[in-house]
Amino acid sequence: MQAIGLFAAALLFLLTAGGALALGGWLLVRRRERGPAVGGEGVALALTAGWALAAFGLGAQAVLAGALLSLSYLAWLWTLYRLFAHDKRDKSVALIRPVVAALAFVELLQLPLLMAQAGSPHAATAFVVFAAILRLLFSVGALMLVHNLYAGASPQARQALGWPAAGLGALWLYELNFATLVYLTGSPSALLATLRGAATLVLVATLAVGAMRHDGNLAFRPSRKVAFQSLSLLVIGAYLVVMVTVAQALAYLGGESARLLQAGFVVLAAA
């Protein structure tokens, strides 16, 4: 069974790397036909492929894999910001730029933390938990931006923005779950770290479908000026409260009841 799991993990990383490189090459060839986010998409896909290859060769929790993952998230964040330029909302919604800058700073802090973990094994747990808190903040902010990208778009713009928004949402929803569990347990799960490849593969697939179905240079009308929406913050906050409550219940129950509750919660979270 362990051999099958290792093979499945390797296949997942190789599929992610190959899909990201193939899509990046296709976008590069057709870059004149794409929209303002094509440059960010190309860099993000290249870094994603690098992360998948590093995870395949060194393991998903290797320092190099972690650094490439952070850099790819920064590139995807820039891509998300450039997607707002499809209908000029990068200029009309004042809060977008400060939020993007703050999230980029938070994610950049992951790099010195990775170095600190490698240099101080005795304090690795503290660094892992702090890194999880930072990734939680990043995921919450990124999901709020994804929500604003789609919710504030005109009906015409949604036809093209829906696919990348869905892919980025899937990626950072998974990261939100992963970071929350790391924070609650104090250590990353090797299985869940490997399954990041599945979330990334979903992102690559949705971007590919969206790129093939819609021209990136559609002549969108600028959306009316809309307020920055924070409804997603309430939803994510409620989710985190539920996660903490379940974690405390698991710690209190223990034994078979804890495993049963954990399985049920995983099914509910997946739904």
C-alpha atoms as a PDB file:
ATOM      1  CA  MET A   1       0.000   0.000   0.000  1.00  0.00           C
ATOM      2  CA  GLN A   2       2.838   2.376   0.824  1.00  0.00           C
ATOM      3  CA  ALA A   3       4.413   1.749  -2.593  1.00  0.00           C
ATOM      4  CA  ILE A   4       1.089   2.514  -4.281  1.00  0.00           C
ATOM      5  CA  GLY A   5       0.822   5.743  -2.301  1.00  0.00           C
ATOM      6  CA  LEU A   6       4.331   6.828  -3.278  1.00  0.00           C
ATOM      7  CA  PHE A   7       3.613   6.055  -6.929  1.00  0.00           C
ATOM      8  CA  ALA A   8       0.335   8.023  -6.819  1.00  0.00           C
ATOM      9  CA  ALA A   9       2.112  11.008  -5.215  1.00  0.00           C
ATOM     10  CA  ALA A  10       4.887  10.940  -7.805  1.00  0.00           C
ATOM     11  CA  LEU A  11       2.345  10.715 -10.631  1.00  0.00           C
ATOM     12  CA  LEU A  12       0.382  13.617  -9.181  1.00  0.00           C
ATOM     13  CA  PHE A  13       3.445  15.881  -9.016  1.00  0.00           C
ATOM     14  CA  LEU A  14       4.559  14.906 -12.527  1.00  0.00           C
ATOM     15  CA  LEU A  15       1.077  15.573 -13.935  1.00  0.00           C
ATOM     16  CA  THR A  16       1.025  18.960 -12.202  1.00  0.00           C
ATOM     17  CA  ALA A  17       4.473  19.899 -13.533  1.00  0.00           C
ATOM     18  CA  GLY A  18       3.712  18.697 -17.058  1.00  0.00           C
ATOM     19  CA  GLY A  19       0.296  20.374 -17.160  1.00  0.00           C
ATOM     20  CA  ALA A  20       1.674  23.674 -15.848  1.00  0.00           C
ATOM     21  CA  LEU A  21       4.544  23.718 -18.370  1.00  0.00           C
ATOM     22  CA  ALA A  22       2.247  22.767 -21.260  1.00  0.00           C
ATOM     23  CA  LEU A  23      -0.294  25.455 -20.410  1.00  0.00           C
ATOM     24  CA  GLY A  24       2.448  28.033 -19.821  1.00  0.00           C
ATOM     25  CA  GLY A  25       3.957  27.279 -23.226  1.00  0.00           C
ATOM     26  CA  TRP A  26       0.576  27.515 -24.929  1.00  0.00           C
ATOM     27  CA  LEU A  27      -0.134  30.876 -23.282  1.00  0.00           C
ATOM     28  CA  LEU A  28       3.333  32.119 -24.260  1.00  0.00           C
ATOM     29  CA  VAL A  29       2.688  31.289 -27.915  1.00  0.00           C
ATOM     30  CA  ARG A  30      -0.680  33.080 -27.821  1.00  0.00           C
ATOM     31  CA  ARG A  31       0.320  35.903 -25.464  1.00  0.00           C
ATOM     32  CA  ARG A  32      -0.797  38.617 -27.908  1.00  0.00           C
ATOM     33  CA  GLU A  33      -4.323  37.189 -27.848  1.00  0.00           C
ATOM     34  CA  ARG A  34      -4.582  36.976 -24.083  1.00  0.00           C
ATOM     35  CA  GLY A  35      -5.516  39.544 -21.472  1.00  0.00           C
ATOM     36  CA  PRO A  36      -3.512  41.603 -18.961  1.00  0.00           C
ATOM     37  CA  ALA A  37      -2.902  38.628 -16.638  1.00  0.00           C
ATOM     38  CA  VAL A  38      -1.038  36.469 -19.151  1.00  0.00           C
ATOM     39  CA  GLY A  39       2.426  37.504 -17.915  1.00  0.00           C
ATOM     40  CA  GLY A  40       1.569  36.673 -14.326  1.00  0.00           C
ATOM     41  CA  GLU A  41       0.005  33.365 -15.388  1.00  0.00           C
ATOM     42  CA  GLY A  42       3.139  32.378 -17.289  1.00  0.00           C
ATOM     43  CA  VAL A  43       5.461  33.097 -14.341  1.00  0.00           C
ATOM     44  CA  ALA A  44       3.088  31.431 -11.872  1.00  0.00           C
ATOM     45  CA  LEU A  45       2.802  28.304 -14.014  1.00  0.00           C
ATOM     46  CA  ALA A  46       6.591  28.072 -14.385  1.00  0.00           C
ATOM     47  CA  LEU A  47       7.098  28.388 -10.615  1.00  0.00           C
ATOM     48  CA  THR A  48       4.298  25.886 -10.001  1.00  0.00           C
ATOM     49  CA  ALA A  49       6.010  23.403 -12.293  1.00  0.00           C
ATOM     50  CA  GLY A  50       9.285  24.015 -10.427  1.00  0.00           C
ATOM     51  CA  TRP A  51       7.547  23.376  -7.101  1.00  0.00           C
ATOM     52  CA  ALA A  52       5.979  20.145  -8.367  1.00  0.00           C
ATOM     53  CA  LEU A  53       9.341  18.885  -9.651  1.00  0.00           C
ATOM     54  CA  ALA A  54      11.066  19.806  -6.371  1.00  0.00           C
ATOM     55  CA  ALA A  55       8.316  18.031  -4.416  1.00  0.00           C
ATOM     56  CA  PHE A  56       8.696  14.999  -6.694  1.00  0.00           C
ATOM     57  CA  GLY A  57      12.469  14.848  -6.316  1.00  0.00           C
ATOM     58  CA  LEU A  58      12.990  16.054  -2.724  1.00  0.00           C
ATOM     59  CA  GLY A  59       9.617  15.633  -1.031  1.00  0.00           C
ATOM     60  CA  ALA A  60       6.708  18.003  -0.540  1.00  0.00           C
ATOM     61  CA  GLN A  61       8.121  19.280   2.764  1.00  0.00           C
ATOM     62  CA  ALA A  62      11.665  20.011   1.546  1.00  0.00           C
ATOM     63  CA  VAL A  63      12.951  23.561   2.013  1.00  0.00           C
ATOM     64  CA  LEU A  64      13.376  24.125  -1.744  1.00  0.00           C
ATOM     65  CA  ALA A  65       9.839  22.881  -2.401  1.00  0.00           C
ATOM     66  CA  GLY A  66       8.503  25.216   0.300  1.00  0.00           C
ATOM     67  CA  ALA A  67      10.373  28.201  -1.125  1.00  0.00           C
ATOM     68  CA  LEU A  68       9.117  27.527  -4.651  1.00  0.00           C
ATOM     69  CA  LEU A  69       5.581  27.089  -3.303  1.00  0.00           C
ATOM     70  CA  SER A  70       5.732  30.532  -1.657  1.00  0.00           C
ATOM     71  CA  LEU A  71       7.129  32.129  -4.802  1.00  0.00           C
ATOM     72  CA  SER A  72       4.400  30.498  -6.887  1.00  0.00           C
ATOM     73  CA  TYR A  73       1.751  31.829  -4.494  1.00  0.00           C
ATOM     74  CA  LEU A  74       3.207  35.315  -4.880  1.00  0.00           C
ATOM     75  CA  ALA A  75       3.006  34.928  -8.664  1.00  0.00           C
ATOM     76  CA  TRP A  76      -0.590  33.690  -8.443  1.00  0.00           C
ATOM     77  CA  LEU A  77      -1.404  36.657  -6.216  1.00  0.00           C
ATOM     78  CA  TRP A  78      -0.018  39.006  -8.870  1.00  0.00           C
ATOM     79  CA  THR A  79      -2.032  37.126 -11.496  1.00  0.00           C
ATOM     80  CA  LEU A  80      -5.149  37.618  -9.389  1.00  0.00           C
ATOM     81  CA  TYR A  81      -4.454  41.350  -9.167  1.00  0.00           C
ATOM     82  CA  ARG A  82      -3.965  41.579 -12.932  1.00  0.00           C
ATOM     83  CA  LEU A  83      -7.272  39.771 -13.497  1.00  0.00           C
ATOM     84  CA  PHE A  84      -8.993  42.802 -11.964  1.00  0.00           C
ATOM     85  CA  ALA A  85      -7.599  44.821 -14.887  1.00  0.00           C
ATOM     86  CA  HIS A  86      -9.906  43.015 -17.325  1.00  0.00           C
ATOM     87  CA  ASP A  87     -12.639  45.528 -16.553  1.00  0.00           C
ATOM     88  CA  LYS A  88     -10.459  48.240 -14.944  1.00  0.00           C
ATOM     89  CA  ARG A  89     -11.411  47.425 -11.353  1.00  0.00           C
ATOM     90  CA  ASP A  90      -7.736  47.414 -10.378  1.00  0.00           C
ATOM     91  CA  LYS A  91      -8.070  51.220 -10.495  1.00  0.00           C
ATOM     92  CA  SER A  92     -11.672  51.718  -9.363  1.00  0.00           C
ATOM     93  CA  VAL A  93     -11.658  49.631  -6.158  1.00  0.00           C
ATOM     94  CA  ALA A  94      -9.275  51.441  -3.835  1.00  0.00           C
ATOM     95  CA  LEU A  95      -8.654  48.623  -1.335  1.00  0.00           C
ATOM     96  CA  ILE A  96      -7.334  46.069  -3.838  1.00  0.00           C
ATOM     97  CA  ARG A  97      -3.756  47.365  -4.041  1.00  0.00           C
ATOM     98  CA  PRO A  98      -3.166  47.684  -0.260  1.00  0.00           C
ATOM     99  CA  VAL A  99      -4.606  44.201   0.307  1.00  0.00           C
ATOM    100  CA  VAL A 100      -2.365  42.711  -2.404  1.00  0.00           C
ATOM    101  CA  ALA A 101       0.703  44.470  -0.961  1.00  0.00           C
ATOM    102  CA  ALA A 102      -0.085  43.272   2.575  1.00  0.00           C
ATOM    103  CA  LEU A 103      -0.628  39.690   1.420  1.00  0.00           C
ATOM    104  CA  ALA A 104       2.616  39.725  -0.563  1.00  0.00           C
ATOM    105  CA  PHE A 105       4.487  40.866   2.556  1.00  0.00           C
ATOM    106  CA  VAL A 106       2.884  38.119   4.649  1.00  0.00           C
ATOM    107  CA  GLU A 107       3.816  35.441   2.117  1.00  0.00           C
ATOM    108  CA  LEU A 108       7.387  36.738   1.787  1.00  0.00           C
ATOM    109  CA  LEU A 109       7.834  36.076   5.509  1.00  0.00           C
ATOM    110  CA  GLN A 110       7.543  32.366   4.720  1.00  0.00           C
ATOM    111  CA  LEU A 111      11.026  32.397   3.144  1.00  0.00           C
ATOM    112  CA  PRO A 112      13.023  33.382   6.274  1.00  0.00           C
ATOM    113  CA  LEU A 113      10.852  31.002   8.303  1.00  0.00           C
ATOM    114  CA  LEU A 114      11.846  28.147   6.010  1.00  0.00           C
ATOM    115  CA  MET A 115      15.506  29.025   6.529  1.00  0.00           C
ATOM    116  CA  ALA A 116      14.951  29.222  10.283  1.00  0.00           C
ATOM    117  CA  GLN A 117      13.302  25.795  10.340  1.00  0.00           C
ATOM    118  CA  ALA A 118      16.244  24.275   8.498  1.00  0.00           C
ATOM    119  CA  GLY A 119      18.799  25.977  10.784  1.00  0.00           C
ATOM    120  CA  SER A 120      17.063  25.330  14.119  1.00  0.00           C
ATOM    121  CA  PRO A 121      15.562  21.818  14.223  1.00  0.00           C
ATOM    122  CA  HIS A 122      14.914  22.072  17.988  1.00  0.00           C
ATOM    123  CA  ALA A 123      12.573  25.026  17.421  1.00  0.00           C
ATOM    124  CA  ALA A 124      11.009  23.670  14.236  1.00  0.00           C
ATOM    125  CA  THR A 125       7.549  23.205  15.771  1.00  0.00           C
ATOM    126  CA  ALA A 126       7.292  26.863  16.780  1.00  0.00           C
ATOM    127  CA  PHE A 127       8.357  27.971  13.299  1.00  0.00           C
ATOM    128  CA  VAL A 128       5.879  25.567  11.662  1.00  0.00           C
ATOM    129  CA  VAL A 129       2.985  26.938  13.726  1.00  0.00           C
ATOM    130  CA  PHE A 130       3.968  30.546  13.013  1.00  0.00           C
ATOM    131  CA  ALA A 131       4.251  29.747   9.292  1.00  0.00           C
ATOM    132  CA  ALA A 132       0.779  28.177   9.446  1.00  0.00           C
ATOM    133  CA  ILE A 133      -0.637  31.368  10.996  1.00  0.00           C
ATOM    134  CA  LEU A 134       0.905  33.463   8.213  1.00  0.00           C
ATOM    135  CA  ARG A 135      -0.437  31.107   5.546  1.00  0.00           C
ATOM    136  CA  LEU A 136      -3.872  31.304   7.188  1.00  0.00           C
ATOM    137  CA  LEU A 137      -3.783  35.096   6.899  1.00  0.00           C
ATOM    138  CA  PHE A 138      -2.633  34.865   3.302  1.00  0.00           C
ATOM    139  CA  SER A 139      -5.321  32.334   2.352  1.00  0.00           C
ATOM    140  CA  VAL A 140      -8.098  34.361   3.965  1.00  0.00           C
ATOM    141  CA  GLY A 141      -7.011  37.539   2.167  1.00  0.00           C
ATOM    142  CA  ALA A 142      -6.527  35.769  -1.170  1.00  0.00           C
ATOM    143  CA  LEU A 143      -9.974  34.161  -0.965  1.00  0.00           C
ATOM    144  CA  MET A 144     -11.488  37.560  -0.159  1.00  0.00           C
ATOM    145  CA  LEU A 145      -9.863  38.934  -3.331  1.00  0.00           C
ATOM    146  CA  VAL A 146     -11.130  35.972  -5.387  1.00  0.00           C
ATOM    147  CA  HIS A 147     -14.621  36.644  -4.069  1.00  0.00           C
ATOM    148  CA  ASN A 148     -14.351  40.311  -5.030  1.00  0.00           C
ATOM    149  CA  LEU A 149     -12.944  39.432  -8.459  1.00  0.00           C
ATOM    150  CA  TYR A 150     -16.023  37.443  -9.399  1.00  0.00           C
ATOM    151  CA  ALA A 151     -18.772  39.101  -7.346  1.00  0.00           C
ATOM    152  CA  GLY A 152     -17.914  42.611  -8.553  1.00  0.00           C
ATOM    153  CA  ALA A 153     -17.495  41.726 -12.237  1.00  0.00           C
ATOM    154  CA  SER A 154     -20.006  42.547 -14.934  1.00  0.00           C
ATOM    155  CA  PRO A 155     -21.988  39.614 -16.411  1.00  0.00           C
ATOM    156  CA  GLN A 156     -19.833  39.750 -19.552  1.00  0.00           C
ATOM    157  CA  ALA A 157     -16.576  39.716 -17.587  1.00  0.00           C
ATOM    158  CA  ARG A 158     -17.733  36.797 -15.446  1.00  0.00           C
ATOM    159  CA  GLN A 159     -17.749  34.547 -18.509  1.00  0.00           C
ATOM    160  CA  ALA A 160     -13.962  34.781 -18.708  1.00  0.00           C
ATOM    161  CA  LEU A 161     -13.118  35.419 -15.045  1.00  0.00           C
ATOM    162  CA  GLY A 162     -15.164  32.526 -13.671  1.00  0.00           C
ATOM    163  CA  TRP A 163     -12.649  29.821 -14.601  1.00  0.00           C
ATOM    164  CA  PRO A 164      -9.505  31.389 -13.105  1.00  0.00           C
ATOM    165  CA  ALA A 165     -11.514  32.515 -10.064  1.00  0.00           C
ATOM    166  CA  ALA A 166     -12.707  28.931  -9.530  1.00  0.00           C
ATOM    167  CA  GLY A 167      -9.185  27.541  -9.876  1.00  0.00           C
ATOM    168  CA  LEU A 168      -7.591  30.068  -7.526  1.00  0.00           C
ATOM    169  CA  GLY A 169     -10.443  29.608  -5.080  1.00  0.00           C
ATOM    170  CA  ALA A 170      -9.897  25.831  -5.049  1.00  0.00           C
ATOM    171  CA  LEU A 171      -6.150  26.270  -4.507  1.00  0.00           C
ATOM    172  CA  TRP A 172      -6.474  28.660  -1.581  1.00  0.00           C
ATOM    173  CA  LEU A 173      -9.459  26.882  -0.035  1.00  0.00           C
ATOM    174  CA  TYR A 174      -7.276  23.796   0.184  1.00  0.00           C
ATOM    175  CA  GLU A 175      -4.443  25.886   1.612  1.00  0.00           C
ATOM    176  CA  LEU A 176      -6.824  27.344   4.194  1.00  0.00           C
ATOM    177  CA  ASN A 177      -7.763  23.831   5.327  1.00  0.00           C
ATOM    178  CA  PHE A 178      -4.133  22.684   5.330  1.00  0.00           C
ATOM    179  CA  ALA A 179      -2.855  25.670   7.309  1.00  0.00           C
ATOM    180  CA  THR A 180      -5.712  25.403   9.808  1.00  0.00           C
ATOM    181  CA  LEU A 181      -4.949  21.744  10.490  1.00  0.00           C
ATOM    182  CA  VAL A 182      -1.222  22.473  10.844  1.00  0.00           C
ATOM    183  CA  TYR A 183      -1.990  25.238  13.338  1.00  0.00           C
ATOM    184  CA  LEU A 184      -4.308  23.004  15.351  1.00  0.00           C
ATOM    185  CA  THR A 185      -2.071  19.914  15.365  1.00  0.00           C
ATOM    186  CA  GLY A 186       1.351  21.602  15.469  1.00  0.00           C
ATOM    187  CA  SER A 187       2.772  19.596  12.572  1.00  0.00           C
ATOM    188  CA  PRO A 188       2.085  19.266   8.832  1.00  0.00           C
ATOM    189  CA  SER A 189       0.572  16.060   7.484  1.00  0.00           C
ATOM    190  CA  ALA A 190       2.744  14.457   4.801  1.00  0.00           C
ATOM    191  CA  LEU A 191      -0.381  13.163   3.048  1.00  0.00           C
ATOM    192  CA  LEU A 192      -2.095  16.556   2.993  1.00  0.00           C
ATOM    193  CA  ALA A 193       1.133  18.227   1.832  1.00  0.00           C
ATOM    194  CA  THR A 194       1.233  15.766  -1.059  1.00  0.00           C
ATOM    195  CA  LEU A 195      -2.414  16.397  -1.905  1.00  0.00           C
ATOM    196  CA  ARG A 196      -1.542  20.039  -2.551  1.00  0.00           C
ATOM    197  CA  GLY A 197      -0.615  18.688  -5.965  1.00  0.00           C
ATOM    198  CA  ALA A 198      -4.264  17.769  -6.567  1.00  0.00           C
ATOM    199  CA  ALA A 199      -5.455  21.284  -5.702  1.00  0.00           C
ATOM    200  CA  THR A 200      -2.777  22.750  -7.973  1.00  0.00           C
ATOM    201  CA  LEU A 201      -3.748  20.376 -10.770  1.00  0.00           C
ATOM    202  CA  VAL A 202      -7.346  21.576 -10.440  1.00  0.00           C
ATOM    203  CA  LEU A 203      -6.104  25.154 -10.846  1.00  0.00           C
ATOM    204  CA  VAL A 204      -4.107  24.274 -13.972  1.00  0.00           C
ATOM    205  CA  ALA A 205      -7.086  22.395 -15.446  1.00  0.00           C
ATOM    206  CA  THR A 206      -9.558  25.231 -14.841  1.00  0.00           C
ATOM    207  CA  LEU A 207      -7.141  27.775 -16.318  1.00  0.00           C
ATOM    208  CA  ALA A 208      -6.721  25.570 -19.387  1.00  0.00           C
ATOM    209  CA  VAL A 209     -10.479  25.220 -19.862  1.00  0.00           C
ATOM    210  CA  GLY A 210     -10.990  28.950 -19.400  1.00  0.00           C
ATOM    211  CA  ALA A 211      -8.171  29.826 -21.809  1.00  0.00           C
ATOM    212  CA  MET A 212      -9.601  27.567 -24.500  1.00  0.00           C
ATOM    213  CA  ARG A 213     -13.175  28.757 -24.083  1.00  0.00           C
ATOM    214  CA  HIS A 214     -12.598  32.501 -23.866  1.00  0.00           C
ATOM    215  CA  ASP A 215     -10.351  35.049 -25.520  1.00  0.00           C
ATOM    216  CA  GLY A 216      -8.386  36.930 -22.868  1.00  0.00           C
ATOM    217  CA  ASN A 217      -8.719  40.197 -24.804  1.00  0.00           C
ATOM    218  CA  LEU A 218     -12.499  40.375 -24.783  1.00  0.00           C
ATOM    219  CA  ALA A 219     -13.520  44.019 -24.951  1.00  0.00           C
ATOM    220  CA  PHE A 220     -15.163  44.339 -21.554  1.00  0.00           C
ATOM    221  CA  ARG A 221     -17.020  47.425 -20.517  1.00  0.00           C
ATOM    222  CA  PRO A 222     -15.550  48.845 -17.310  1.00  0.00           C
ATOM    223  CA  SER A 223     -17.718  47.718 -14.380  1.00  0.00           C
ATOM    224  CA  ARG A 224     -19.534  50.338 -12.377  1.00  0.00           C
ATOM    225  CA  LYS A 225     -17.570  51.343  -9.324  1.00  0.00           C
ATOM    226  CA  VAL A 226     -18.297  48.773  -6.654  1.00  0.00           C
ATOM    227  CA  ALA A 227     -17.467  48.628  -2.978  1.00  0.00           C
ATOM    228  CA  PHE A 228     -14.876  46.188  -1.697  1.00  0.00           C
ATOM    229  CA  GLN A 229     -16.933  43.270  -0.364  1.00  0.00           C
ATOM    230  CA  SER A 230     -15.989  41.552   2.882  1.00  0.00           C
ATOM    231  CA  LEU A 231     -18.803  38.986   3.119  1.00  0.00           C
ATOM    232  CA  SER A 232     -16.268  36.234   2.493  1.00  0.00           C
ATOM    233  CA  LEU A 233     -14.467  37.256   5.704  1.00  0.00           C
ATOM    234  CA  LEU A 234     -17.576  36.408   7.725  1.00  0.00           C
ATOM    235  CA  VAL A 235     -17.924  33.024   6.014  1.00  0.00           C
ATOM    236  CA  ILE A 236     -14.254  32.142   6.532  1.00  0.00           C
ATOM    237  CA  GLY A 237     -14.372  33.384  10.124  1.00  0.00           C
ATOM    238  CA  ALA A 238     -17.346  31.120  10.834  1.00  0.00           C
ATOM    239  CA  TYR A 239     -15.481  28.220   9.230  1.00  0.00           C
ATOM    240  CA  LEU A 240     -12.423  28.783  11.441  1.00  0.00           C
ATOM    241  CA  VAL A 241     -14.620  28.875  14.557  1.00  0.00           C
ATOM    242  CA  VAL A 242     -16.122  25.526  13.543  1.00  0.00           C
ATOM    243  CA  MET A 243     -12.655  24.066  12.898  1.00  0.00           C
ATOM    244  CA  VAL A 244     -11.385  25.104  16.337  1.00  0.00           C
ATOM    245  CA  THR A 245     -14.534  23.738  17.990  1.00  0.00           C
ATOM    246  CA  VAL A 246     -14.169  20.396  16.220  1.00  0.00           C
ATOM    247  CA  ALA A 247     -10.468  20.206  17.134  1.00  0.00           C
ATOM    248  CA  GLN A 248     -11.301  20.780  20.795  1.00  0.00           C
ATOM    249  CA  ALA A 249     -14.030  18.144  20.621  1.00  0.00           C
ATOM    250  CA  LEU A 250     -11.589  15.663  19.099  1.00  0.00           C
ATOM    251  CA  ALA A 251      -9.069  16.337  21.853  1.00  0.00           C
ATOM    252  CA  TYR A 252     -11.770  15.899  24.503  1.00  0.00           C
ATOM    253  CA  LEU A 253     -13.315  12.694  23.140  1.00  0.00           C
ATOM    254  CA  GLY A 254     -10.248  10.703  22.065  1.00  0.00           C
ATOM    255  CA  GLY A 255     -10.281   7.069  20.953  1.00  0.00           C
ATOM    256  CA  GLU A 256     -12.791   5.644  18.478  1.00  0.00           C
ATOM    257  CA  SER A 257     -15.256   8.499  18.918  1.00  0.00           C
ATOM    258  CA  ALA A 258     -12.569  10.982  17.872  1.00  0.00           C
ATOM    259  CA  ARG A 259     -11.758   9.019  14.728  1.00  0.00           C
ATOM    260  CA  LEU A 260     -15.444   8.758  13.824  1.00  0.00           C
ATOM    261  CA  LEU A 261     -15.996  12.502  14.354  1.00  0.00           C
ATOM    262  CA  GLN A 262     -12.828  13.297  12.386  1.00  0.00           C
ATOM    263  CA  ALA A 263     -13.980  11.175   9.430  1.00  0.00           C
ATOM    264  CA  GLY A 264     -17.398  12.792   9.484  1.00  0.00           C
ATOM    265  CA  PHE A 265     -15.892  16.274   9.612  1.00  0.00           C
ATOM    266  CA  VAL A 266     -13.585  15.554   6.652  1.00  0.00           C
ATOM    267  CA  VAL A 267     -16.597  14.400   4.588  1.00  0.00           C
ATOM    268  CA  LEU A 268     -18.579  17.496   5.617  1.00  0.00           C
ATOM    269  CA  ALA A 269     -15.664  19.835   4.830  1.00  0.00           C
ATOM    270  CA  ALA A 270     -15.209  18.199   1.407  1.00  0.00           C
ATOM    271  CA  ALA A 271     -18.902  18.720   0.663  1.00  0.00           C
END
